Amino acid sequence: MIRDHCARNLQFGLHLLWPHGRADAGGLAVRHRYGIVLDKQYFNFGSAHFLIFADGTREELHGHNYRATLELDADLDSGHVVADFIVVKPLFKRCCDELDHRTLLPLNHPKLQIEATDQQVRAFFTNPDGSVDDYVVPRRDVHLLDIANTSSELLACWLMDRFLGLLKVALPSLRLQRILVTVQESPGQSAVHERFFDA
């Protein structure tokens, strides 16, 4: 008779009943995974950007009402949870809020030169024909991102890096196994960044 792993965990207060979450269940190898999914309406940000294409052209400056979601897998803590929602939610919201109502510019694209002062940001984009587009934006309206482009994929990566920096301080004992961030730029159209960690 196969014993219910979750029930035994709750009954005896065990973190893992079998090494590495594995069990012999009637001859089948079983691996248990615990995670949380955060998909809140307030994980959103309205931002302006333009994507730089592989052929050296760019989009027109435009905006999206982005929405992000977060997935975390980790070992259960002593309270039998992956992480306290009350701790995690404001951390991820803070990351989204940093991008809200901002023009997003990448710092690491070779076709885009950035000059920033305390008052303004100037961005110079070199077109394939050699002409240069000159953007001037008030500094407080811009978020300069340490990425190569403002694709949804790289925005998901930026959000993840920013969130992990905050999470490490808030929950230093968390044994993270996997994290996934999704960035939706319009309904039905999303990009993801996923990262795995050694146990």
C-alpha atoms as a PDB file:
ATOM      1  CA  MET A   1       0.000   0.000   0.000  1.00  0.00           C
ATOM      2  CA  ILE A   2       1.375   3.378  -1.031  1.00  0.00           C
ATOM      3  CA  ARG A   3       1.544   5.859   1.806  1.00  0.00           C
ATOM      4  CA  ASP A   4       0.463   9.382   1.039  1.00  0.00           C
ATOM      5  CA  HIS A   5       3.583  11.551   1.179  1.00  0.00           C
ATOM      6  CA  CYS A   6       1.776  14.825   1.840  1.00  0.00           C
ATOM      7  CA  ALA A   7      -0.373  13.355   4.599  1.00  0.00           C
ATOM      8  CA  ARG A   8       2.678  11.824   6.282  1.00  0.00           C
ATOM      9  CA  ASN A   9       4.509  15.143   6.072  1.00  0.00           C
ATOM     10  CA  LEU A  10       1.676  16.914   7.829  1.00  0.00           C
ATOM     11  CA  GLN A  11       1.152  14.155  10.379  1.00  0.00           C
ATOM     12  CA  PHE A  12       4.772  13.797  11.443  1.00  0.00           C
ATOM     13  CA  GLY A  13       6.063  17.281  10.621  1.00  0.00           C
ATOM     14  CA  LEU A  14       8.753  15.952   8.274  1.00  0.00           C
ATOM     15  CA  HIS A  15      10.418  18.120   5.647  1.00  0.00           C
ATOM     16  CA  LEU A  16      11.030  15.179   3.317  1.00  0.00           C
ATOM     17  CA  LEU A  17       9.954  11.616   3.995  1.00  0.00           C
ATOM     18  CA  TRP A  18      12.448  10.192   1.485  1.00  0.00           C
ATOM     19  CA  PRO A  19      15.868  11.480   0.405  1.00  0.00           C
ATOM     20  CA  HIS A  20      15.576  14.132  -2.309  1.00  0.00           C
ATOM     21  CA  GLY A  21      11.809  13.743  -2.292  1.00  0.00           C
ATOM     22  CA  ARG A  22      11.975  10.292  -3.935  1.00  0.00           C
ATOM     23  CA  ALA A  23      10.038   7.177  -2.997  1.00  0.00           C
ATOM     24  CA  ASP A  24       9.476   3.695  -4.279  1.00  0.00           C
ATOM     25  CA  ALA A  25       5.733   3.741  -4.927  1.00  0.00           C
ATOM     26  CA  GLY A  26       4.876   0.300  -6.216  1.00  0.00           C
ATOM     27  CA  GLY A  27       8.079   0.135  -8.230  1.00  0.00           C
ATOM     28  CA  LEU A  28       7.714   3.671  -9.639  1.00  0.00           C
ATOM     29  CA  ALA A  29      10.213   6.413  -8.890  1.00  0.00           C
ATOM     30  CA  VAL A  30       8.437   9.465  -7.516  1.00  0.00           C
ATOM     31  CA  ARG A  31       9.830  12.957  -7.134  1.00  0.00           C
ATOM     32  CA  HIS A  32       7.846  15.531  -5.211  1.00  0.00           C
ATOM     33  CA  ARG A  33       7.903  19.194  -6.154  1.00  0.00           C
ATOM     34  CA  TYR A  34       6.497  22.087  -4.148  1.00  0.00           C
ATOM     35  CA  GLY A  35       5.944  25.539  -5.532  1.00  0.00           C
ATOM     36  CA  ILE A  36       3.884  28.702  -5.441  1.00  0.00           C
ATOM     37  CA  VAL A  37       2.336  30.679  -8.292  1.00  0.00           C
ATOM     38  CA  LEU A  38       1.617  34.405  -8.010  1.00  0.00           C
ATOM     39  CA  ASP A  39      -0.672  35.898 -10.643  1.00  0.00           C
ATOM     40  CA  LYS A  40      -2.021  39.126  -9.174  1.00  0.00           C
ATOM     41  CA  GLN A  41      -3.718  41.930 -11.080  1.00  0.00           C
ATOM     42  CA  TYR A  42      -1.409  44.468  -9.451  1.00  0.00           C
ATOM     43  CA  PHE A  43       1.722  42.848 -10.915  1.00  0.00           C
ATOM     44  CA  ASN A  44       1.385  45.222 -13.851  1.00  0.00           C
ATOM     45  CA  PHE A  45       3.274  48.122 -15.359  1.00  0.00           C
ATOM     46  CA  GLY A  46       2.497  50.514 -18.185  1.00  0.00           C
ATOM     47  CA  SER A  47       5.684  51.370 -20.044  1.00  0.00           C
ATOM     48  CA  ALA A  48       6.941  52.847 -23.310  1.00  0.00           C
ATOM     49  CA  HIS A  49       9.714  51.202 -25.335  1.00  0.00           C
ATOM     50  CA  PHE A  50      10.941  50.318 -28.790  1.00  0.00           C
ATOM     51  CA  LEU A  51      12.418  46.982 -29.797  1.00  0.00           C
ATOM     52  CA  ILE A  52      15.622  46.916 -31.840  1.00  0.00           C
ATOM     53  CA  PHE A  53      15.478  44.178 -34.480  1.00  0.00           C
ATOM     54  CA  ALA A  54      18.266  41.870 -35.648  1.00  0.00           C
ATOM     55  CA  ASP A  55      18.450  43.675 -39.014  1.00  0.00           C
ATOM     56  CA  GLY A  56      19.366  46.946 -37.296  1.00  0.00           C
ATOM     57  CA  THR A  57      15.962  48.606 -37.590  1.00  0.00           C
ATOM     58  CA  ARG A  58      13.687  49.477 -34.704  1.00  0.00           C
ATOM     59  CA  GLU A  59      10.056  49.786 -33.777  1.00  0.00           C
ATOM     60  CA  GLU A  60       8.375  53.125 -33.341  1.00  0.00           C
ATOM     61  CA  LEU A  61       8.196  54.267 -29.745  1.00  0.00           C
ATOM     62  CA  HIS A  62       5.010  52.795 -28.280  1.00  0.00           C
ATOM     63  CA  GLY A  63       3.637  51.399 -25.034  1.00  0.00           C
ATOM     64  CA  HIS A  64       2.230  48.266 -23.448  1.00  0.00           C
ATOM     65  CA  ASN A  65       0.181  47.526 -20.372  1.00  0.00           C
ATOM     66  CA  TYR A  66       2.390  44.690 -19.213  1.00  0.00           C
ATOM     67  CA  ARG A  67       1.425  42.088 -16.648  1.00  0.00           C
ATOM     68  CA  ALA A  68       3.831  39.725 -14.890  1.00  0.00           C
ATOM     69  CA  THR A  69       3.460  36.425 -13.062  1.00  0.00           C
ATOM     70  CA  LEU A  70       5.861  34.554 -10.801  1.00  0.00           C
ATOM     71  CA  GLU A  71       6.443  30.868 -10.055  1.00  0.00           C
ATOM     72  CA  LEU A  72       8.776  29.579  -7.340  1.00  0.00           C
ATOM     73  CA  ASP A  73       9.789  26.013  -6.480  1.00  0.00           C
ATOM     74  CA  ALA A  74      11.687  25.377  -3.257  1.00  0.00           C
ATOM     75  CA  ASP A  75      12.027  23.008  -0.329  1.00  0.00           C
ATOM     76  CA  LEU A  76       9.319  23.298   2.285  1.00  0.00           C
ATOM     77  CA  ASP A  77      10.306  25.255   5.359  1.00  0.00           C
ATOM     78  CA  SER A  78       9.620  24.249   8.961  1.00  0.00           C
ATOM     79  CA  GLY A  79       6.067  25.529   8.580  1.00  0.00           C
ATOM     80  CA  HIS A  80       5.496  23.235   5.573  1.00  0.00           C
ATOM     81  CA  VAL A  81       5.308  26.087   3.048  1.00  0.00           C
ATOM     82  CA  VAL A  82       7.595  27.116   0.194  1.00  0.00           C
ATOM     83  CA  ALA A  83       7.487  30.794   1.162  1.00  0.00           C
ATOM     84  CA  ASP A  84       5.113  33.145   2.917  1.00  0.00           C
ATOM     85  CA  PHE A  85       2.901  34.894   0.351  1.00  0.00           C
ATOM     86  CA  ILE A  86       2.832  37.962   2.595  1.00  0.00           C
ATOM     87  CA  VAL A  87       6.607  38.283   2.213  1.00  0.00           C
ATOM     88  CA  VAL A  88       6.928  37.419  -1.479  1.00  0.00           C
ATOM     89  CA  LYS A  89       4.088  39.445  -3.013  1.00  0.00           C
ATOM     90  CA  PRO A  90       5.293  42.951  -2.089  1.00  0.00           C
ATOM     91  CA  LEU A  91       8.813  42.114  -3.272  1.00  0.00           C
ATOM     92  CA  PHE A  92       7.645  41.219  -6.766  1.00  0.00           C
ATOM     93  CA  LYS A  93       5.224  44.137  -6.868  1.00  0.00           C
ATOM     94  CA  ARG A  94       8.093  46.472  -6.026  1.00  0.00           C
ATOM     95  CA  CYS A  95       9.989  45.202  -9.077  1.00  0.00           C
ATOM     96  CA  CYS A  96       6.993  45.780 -11.349  1.00  0.00           C
ATOM     97  CA  ASP A  97       6.387  49.235  -9.876  1.00  0.00           C
ATOM     98  CA  GLU A  98       9.926  50.304 -10.773  1.00  0.00           C
ATOM     99  CA  LEU A  99       9.012  49.950 -14.464  1.00  0.00           C
ATOM    100  CA  ASP A 100       5.569  51.525 -14.245  1.00  0.00           C
ATOM    101  CA  HIS A 101       4.982  54.805 -16.116  1.00  0.00           C
ATOM    102  CA  ARG A 102       8.516  54.822 -17.477  1.00  0.00           C
ATOM    103  CA  THR A 103      10.198  54.810 -20.860  1.00  0.00           C
ATOM    104  CA  LEU A 104      12.389  51.701 -20.856  1.00  0.00           C
ATOM    105  CA  LEU A 105      15.799  51.981 -22.516  1.00  0.00           C
ATOM    106  CA  PRO A 106      18.452  49.238 -22.725  1.00  0.00           C
ATOM    107  CA  LEU A 107      22.006  50.144 -21.786  1.00  0.00           C
ATOM    108  CA  ASN A 108      23.740  47.295 -23.625  1.00  0.00           C
ATOM    109  CA  HIS A 109      22.717  47.509 -27.288  1.00  0.00           C
ATOM    110  CA  PRO A 110      25.496  48.540 -29.718  1.00  0.00           C
ATOM    111  CA  LYS A 111      23.088  50.539 -31.906  1.00  0.00           C
ATOM    112  CA  LEU A 112      21.891  52.703 -29.015  1.00  0.00           C
ATOM    113  CA  GLN A 113      24.017  55.283 -27.227  1.00  0.00           C
ATOM    114  CA  ILE A 114      22.791  56.700 -23.930  1.00  0.00           C
ATOM    115  CA  GLU A 115      23.790  59.989 -22.317  1.00  0.00           C
ATOM    116  CA  ALA A 116      22.224  60.592 -18.907  1.00  0.00           C
ATOM    117  CA  THR A 117      22.333  63.531 -16.526  1.00  0.00           C
ATOM    118  CA  ASP A 118      20.298  64.266 -13.417  1.00  0.00           C
ATOM    119  CA  GLN A 119      17.840  66.230 -15.559  1.00  0.00           C
ATOM    120  CA  GLN A 120      17.453  64.247 -18.780  1.00  0.00           C
ATOM    121  CA  VAL A 121      18.344  61.190 -20.820  1.00  0.00           C
ATOM    122  CA  ARG A 122      19.378  61.385 -24.469  1.00  0.00           C
ATOM    123  CA  ALA A 123      19.292  58.247 -26.586  1.00  0.00           C
ATOM    124  CA  PHE A 124      20.895  58.134 -30.039  1.00  0.00           C
ATOM    125  CA  PHE A 125      19.815  55.315 -32.339  1.00  0.00           C
ATOM    126  CA  THR A 126      21.792  54.747 -35.533  1.00  0.00           C
ATOM    127  CA  ASN A 127      19.599  53.598 -38.430  1.00  0.00           C
ATOM    128  CA  PRO A 128      20.877  51.241 -41.166  1.00  0.00           C
ATOM    129  CA  ASP A 129      21.159  54.205 -43.581  1.00  0.00           C
ATOM    130  CA  GLY A 130      23.449  56.025 -41.144  1.00  0.00           C
ATOM    131  CA  SER A 131      20.899  58.577 -39.959  1.00  0.00           C
ATOM    132  CA  VAL A 132      20.515  59.054 -36.212  1.00  0.00           C
ATOM    133  CA  ASP A 133      17.291  59.319 -34.221  1.00  0.00           C
ATOM    134  CA  ASP A 134      17.714  61.530 -31.158  1.00  0.00           C
ATOM    135  CA  TYR A 135      15.418  60.988 -28.167  1.00  0.00           C
ATOM    136  CA  VAL A 136      15.378  63.414 -25.236  1.00  0.00           C
ATOM    137  CA  VAL A 137      13.344  62.386 -22.185  1.00  0.00           C
ATOM    138  CA  PRO A 138      13.183  63.826 -18.649  1.00  0.00           C
ATOM    139  CA  ARG A 139      15.337  61.681 -16.354  1.00  0.00           C
ATOM    140  CA  ARG A 140      12.513  60.886 -13.952  1.00  0.00           C
ATOM    141  CA  ASP A 141      10.454  59.420 -16.808  1.00  0.00           C
ATOM    142  CA  VAL A 142      13.115  56.896 -17.859  1.00  0.00           C
ATOM    143  CA  HIS A 143      14.301  53.580 -16.476  1.00  0.00           C
ATOM    144  CA  LEU A 144      17.714  52.571 -17.816  1.00  0.00           C
ATOM    145  CA  LEU A 145      17.961  48.787 -17.810  1.00  0.00           C
ATOM    146  CA  ASP A 146      21.135  46.711 -17.756  1.00  0.00           C
ATOM    147  CA  ILE A 147      19.957  44.547 -20.659  1.00  0.00           C
ATOM    148  CA  ALA A 148      20.597  44.451 -24.427  1.00  0.00           C
ATOM    149  CA  ASN A 149      17.038  45.052 -25.611  1.00  0.00           C
ATOM    150  CA  THR A 150      13.585  45.713 -24.194  1.00  0.00           C
ATOM    151  CA  SER A 151      12.023  42.494 -25.446  1.00  0.00           C
ATOM    152  CA  SER A 152       9.517  40.847 -23.130  1.00  0.00           C
ATOM    153  CA  GLU A 153      11.964  37.973 -22.710  1.00  0.00           C
ATOM    154  CA  LEU A 154      14.681  40.266 -21.381  1.00  0.00           C
ATOM    155  CA  LEU A 155      12.209  42.235 -19.272  1.00  0.00           C
ATOM    156  CA  ALA A 156      11.272  38.920 -17.631  1.00  0.00           C
ATOM    157  CA  CYS A 157      14.977  38.275 -17.021  1.00  0.00           C
ATOM    158  CA  TRP A 158      15.442  41.761 -15.526  1.00  0.00           C
ATOM    159  CA  LEU A 159      12.438  41.316 -13.231  1.00  0.00           C
ATOM    160  CA  MET A 160      13.813  37.971 -12.093  1.00  0.00           C
ATOM    161  CA  ASP A 161      17.263  39.338 -11.307  1.00  0.00           C
ATOM    162  CA  ARG A 162      15.806  42.298  -9.439  1.00  0.00           C
ATOM    163  CA  PHE A 163      13.398  40.069  -7.493  1.00  0.00           C
ATOM    164  CA  LEU A 164      16.077  37.523  -6.569  1.00  0.00           C
ATOM    165  CA  GLY A 165      18.206  40.294  -5.108  1.00  0.00           C
ATOM    166  CA  LEU A 166      15.340  41.316  -2.833  1.00  0.00           C
ATOM    167  CA  LEU A 167      14.356  37.726  -2.027  1.00  0.00           C
ATOM    168  CA  LYS A 168      17.855  36.819  -0.884  1.00  0.00           C
ATOM    169  CA  VAL A 169      17.679  39.522   1.780  1.00  0.00           C
ATOM    170  CA  ALA A 170      14.086  38.811   2.840  1.00  0.00           C
ATOM    171  CA  LEU A 171      14.339  34.991   2.933  1.00  0.00           C
ATOM    172  CA  PRO A 172      18.034  34.072   3.198  1.00  0.00           C
ATOM    173  CA  SER A 173      17.317  30.461   4.184  1.00  0.00           C
ATOM    174  CA  LEU A 174      15.057  29.740   1.197  1.00  0.00           C
ATOM    175  CA  ARG A 175      16.346  26.730  -0.760  1.00  0.00           C
ATOM    176  CA  LEU A 176      15.224  27.755  -4.219  1.00  0.00           C
ATOM    177  CA  GLN A 177      15.017  25.104  -6.940  1.00  0.00           C
ATOM    178  CA  ARG A 178      13.312  26.895  -9.830  1.00  0.00           C
ATOM    179  CA  ILE A 179      11.938  30.316 -10.686  1.00  0.00           C
ATOM    180  CA  LEU A 180       9.888  31.400 -13.687  1.00  0.00           C
ATOM    181  CA  VAL A 181       8.768  34.916 -14.596  1.00  0.00           C
ATOM    182  CA  THR A 182       6.205  35.546 -17.317  1.00  0.00           C
ATOM    183  CA  VAL A 183       5.701  38.954 -18.926  1.00  0.00           C
ATOM    184  CA  GLN A 184       2.492  39.465 -20.869  1.00  0.00           C
ATOM    185  CA  GLU A 185       2.613  42.418 -23.249  1.00  0.00           C
ATOM    186  CA  SER A 186      -0.957  41.918 -24.471  1.00  0.00           C
ATOM    187  CA  PRO A 187      -3.693  39.352 -23.728  1.00  0.00           C
ATOM    188  CA  GLY A 188      -2.680  35.959 -25.074  1.00  0.00           C
ATOM    189  CA  GLN A 189       0.894  37.059 -25.859  1.00  0.00           C
ATOM    190  CA  SER A 190       3.624  36.445 -23.274  1.00  0.00           C
ATOM    191  CA  ALA A 191       7.316  35.669 -22.915  1.00  0.00           C
ATOM    192  CA  VAL A 192       9.031  33.766 -20.111  1.00  0.00           C
ATOM    193  CA  HIS A 193      12.391  33.453 -18.434  1.00  0.00           C
ATOM    194  CA  GLU A 194      13.060  30.358 -16.336  1.00  0.00           C
ATOM    195  CA  ARG A 195      16.029  29.474 -14.160  1.00  0.00           C
ATOM    196  CA  PHE A 196      16.986  26.310 -12.272  1.00  0.00           C
ATOM    197  CA  PHE A 197      19.184  25.982  -9.194  1.00  0.00           C
ATOM    198  CA  ASP A 198      21.174  23.013  -7.951  1.00  0.00           C
ATOM    199  CA  ALA A 199      19.743  21.411  -4.849  1.00  0.00           C
END
